[in-house]
Every structure is written in C-alpha cells, then in structure tokens.
Amino acid sequence: HVVAAIGLDRYDGAVAAAAAAWAQATASRLTLSHVCVEVPLPVWWPITDMPMPPALEESTDVARRQVESLAAGLGVSAAIDVRRGAVSQSVAAVVRETAAGLLVVSRGGTAHRVGTIAYRVMREADVPTLIVGTA
C-alpha cells in the first residue's frame, strides 16, 4: 500500500504522480490522504463547549472534492482519506491503518521552514518515505 500525503498546495501533482507510479510499479493499492488542520479555540472564544465557527476551519467536504479531482487525473485507482486533526499524527494513523509500505510527501513549507511538516510526518509514520519537491 502506498499513501500520498496531499497538502492541497503546489506540490500535489508531483506527490500524487510519484505515489501513483510507485503503486502501479509495485501492484500496490494507493490512498491519497489529506488532513484538515484542527484550529485550536482562540482565547477570546467565549463558550469553550461550542464548535468553532465553520469559516475558521477548512471544510472537509471542499478538501475531499479537491483530492477526488486530483485522483481522477492519475489514471490509477486511488482511495481517498480526508480527516480532521493534527497533520503528523493523522497521516501516521492512515499509514498504520492501511499497513502502508511507502509514504509519499512533499518537501513543502515556506522559504524559512522547508520540510518541517514532512519531517514530523516521517517521524510519526515510521515507514519508508519518499520526499517529493519541484524546482
């Protein structure tokens, strides 16, 4: 099983294509996974047991549609896993649940923090990881 961590950023095409190529070459199943980051309640939020206003959190429905659109262009069958949580722990959970043998992630990040999420995901997932970047 190959899991591709999709960040809904400029690296998605490269990550998905690399994961699809590995899955196809090894006759493995492919899962495209995206994690909608949980936004902690702000200090000013007056009622802590009420949910966060939807405008402040990424929509899992919108994210699912974006990942499905990406999967449609791959030419191979891919399962879609979109969940909410902390990125590194959630991707690691997908890796464990699918018994993945390979995780594909982007180097991602900003100019000052390149690869910080990829590093945390690799540490949590504890599986061989292919890091994809574009020029």
Protein backbone atom coordinates (compact mmCIF):
# COMPACT_ATOMS: atom_id res chain seq x y z
CA HIS A 1 0.00 0.00 0.00
CA VAL A 2 1.24 3.49 -0.87
CA VAL A 3 -0.04 6.57 0.97
CA ALA A 4 0.34 10.03 -0.56
CA ALA A 5 0.05 12.92 1.89
CA ILE A 6 -1.73 15.64 -0.06
CA GLY A 7 -1.30 19.16 1.30
CA LEU A 8 -3.56 20.97 -1.18
CA ASP A 9 -0.61 23.04 -2.31
CA ARG A 10 1.61 23.43 -5.35
CA TYR A 11 3.27 20.04 -4.77
CA ASP A 12 0.09 17.96 -5.03
CA GLY A 13 0.56 16.96 -8.65
CA ALA A 14 4.13 15.78 -8.09
CA VAL A 15 3.26 13.90 -4.88
CA ALA A 16 0.23 12.19 -6.41
CA ALA A 17 2.08 11.28 -9.63
CA ALA A 18 5.05 9.81 -7.73
CA ALA A 19 2.77 7.83 -5.42
CA ALA A 20 0.69 6.57 -8.35
CA ALA A 21 3.83 5.50 -10.23
CA TRP A 22 5.11 3.56 -7.18
CA ALA A 23 1.73 1.96 -6.59
CA GLN A 24 1.44 0.94 -10.22
CA ALA A 25 5.01 -0.37 -10.43
CA THR A 26 4.59 -2.48 -7.28
CA ALA A 27 0.95 -3.51 -7.90
CA SER A 28 0.05 -1.80 -4.63
CA ARG A 29 -3.07 0.00 -3.53
CA LEU A 30 -2.95 3.79 -3.37
CA THR A 31 -4.50 6.15 -0.85
CA LEU A 32 -4.49 9.92 -1.21
CA SER A 33 -4.73 11.41 2.26
CA HIS A 34 -5.38 14.99 3.31
CA VAL A 35 -5.66 16.31 6.84
CA CYS A 36 -7.79 19.36 7.57
CA VAL A 37 -5.92 21.02 10.40
CA GLU A 38 -7.84 21.48 13.60
CA VAL A 39 -7.76 25.09 14.65
CA PRO A 40 -7.48 25.45 18.42
CA LEU A 41 -10.16 27.57 20.01
CA PRO A 42 -8.89 31.14 20.35
CA VAL A 43 -8.53 32.55 23.84
CA TRP A 44 -11.26 35.04 23.10
CA TRP A 45 -13.77 32.29 22.17
CA PRO A 46 -16.39 32.79 24.89
CA ILE A 47 -18.01 29.36 25.04
CA THR A 48 -15.50 26.52 25.04
CA ASP A 49 -18.01 23.70 24.53
CA MET A 50 -19.41 25.23 21.34
CA PRO A 51 -17.86 24.28 18.00
CA MET A 52 -15.57 26.62 16.13
CA PRO A 53 -17.40 28.75 13.54
CA PRO A 54 -17.17 26.95 10.16
CA ALA A 55 -15.46 29.92 8.50
CA LEU A 56 -12.40 29.42 10.71
CA GLU A 57 -11.81 25.78 9.80
CA GLU A 58 -11.02 24.10 6.50
CA SER A 59 -14.03 22.28 5.11
CA THR A 60 -13.54 18.53 4.87
CA ASP A 61 -16.15 18.44 2.08
CA VAL A 62 -14.26 21.00 0.00
CA ALA A 63 -10.95 19.23 0.67
CA ARG A 64 -12.45 15.86 -0.32
CA ARG A 65 -13.66 17.28 -3.63
CA GLN A 66 -10.19 18.72 -4.34
CA VAL A 67 -8.47 15.40 -3.57
CA GLU A 68 -11.04 13.48 -5.64
CA SER A 69 -10.37 15.82 -8.56
CA LEU A 70 -6.64 15.18 -8.21
CA ALA A 71 -7.23 11.41 -8.07
CA ALA A 72 -9.38 11.49 -11.20
CA GLY A 73 -6.41 12.63 -13.28
CA LEU A 74 -3.98 9.93 -12.13
CA GLY A 75 -5.02 7.06 -14.37
CA VAL A 76 -4.93 4.60 -11.43
CA SER A 77 -7.49 3.76 -8.79
CA ALA A 78 -6.99 5.61 -5.52
CA ALA A 79 -8.80 5.58 -2.21
CA ILE A 80 -9.44 9.00 -0.65
CA ASP A 81 -8.95 9.64 3.06
CA VAL A 82 -9.78 13.14 4.30
CA ARG A 83 -9.88 13.69 8.04
CA ARG A 84 -9.50 16.42 10.61
CA GLY A 85 -6.70 16.53 13.17
CA ALA A 86 -3.02 17.18 13.70
CA VAL A 87 -1.23 16.56 10.40
CA SER A 88 1.65 14.34 11.51
CA GLN A 89 -0.41 12.14 13.84
CA SER A 90 -3.28 11.84 11.37
CA VAL A 91 -1.08 10.88 8.41
CA ALA A 92 0.72 8.37 10.64
CA ALA A 93 -2.68 6.91 11.55
CA VAL A 94 -3.53 6.49 7.85
CA VAL A 95 -0.18 4.75 7.30
CA ARG A 96 -0.87 2.35 10.20
CA GLU A 97 -4.50 1.72 9.22
CA THR A 98 -3.56 0.85 5.63
CA ALA A 99 -0.39 -1.04 6.63
CA ALA A 100 1.43 1.11 4.07
CA GLY A 101 4.88 0.19 2.91
CA LEU A 102 5.62 3.64 1.48
CA LEU A 103 4.60 7.19 2.32
CA VAL A 104 4.99 9.96 -0.26
CA VAL A 105 5.12 13.55 0.99
CA SER A 106 6.18 16.92 -0.38
CA ARG A 107 9.08 18.89 0.99
CA GLY A 108 6.53 21.72 1.36
CA GLY A 109 6.84 24.62 3.72
CA THR A 110 7.84 28.22 3.31
CA ALA A 111 11.25 29.55 2.38
CA HIS A 112 12.25 29.60 6.06
CA ARG A 113 10.67 26.31 7.15
CA VAL A 114 11.10 23.93 4.23
CA GLY A 115 10.24 20.36 5.16
CA THR A 116 9.16 20.86 8.78
CA ILE A 117 5.80 19.11 8.34
CA ALA A 118 7.38 16.41 6.15
CA TYR A 119 9.93 15.76 8.90
CA ARG A 120 7.25 15.44 11.59
CA VAL A 121 5.14 13.16 9.38
CA MET A 122 8.15 10.91 8.70
CA ARG A 123 8.94 10.66 12.41
CA GLU A 124 5.37 9.79 13.33
CA ALA A 125 4.70 7.38 10.45
CA ASP A 126 7.91 5.34 10.83
CA VAL A 127 7.73 3.92 7.30
CA PRO A 128 9.99 4.39 4.25
CA THR A 129 9.20 7.85 2.91
CA LEU A 130 9.70 9.44 -0.49
CA ILE A 131 10.00 13.22 -0.27
CA VAL A 132 8.99 14.96 -3.48
CA GLY A 133 9.91 18.52 -4.44
CA THR A 134 9.74 20.59 -7.58
CA ALA A 135 12.22 23.08 -8.92
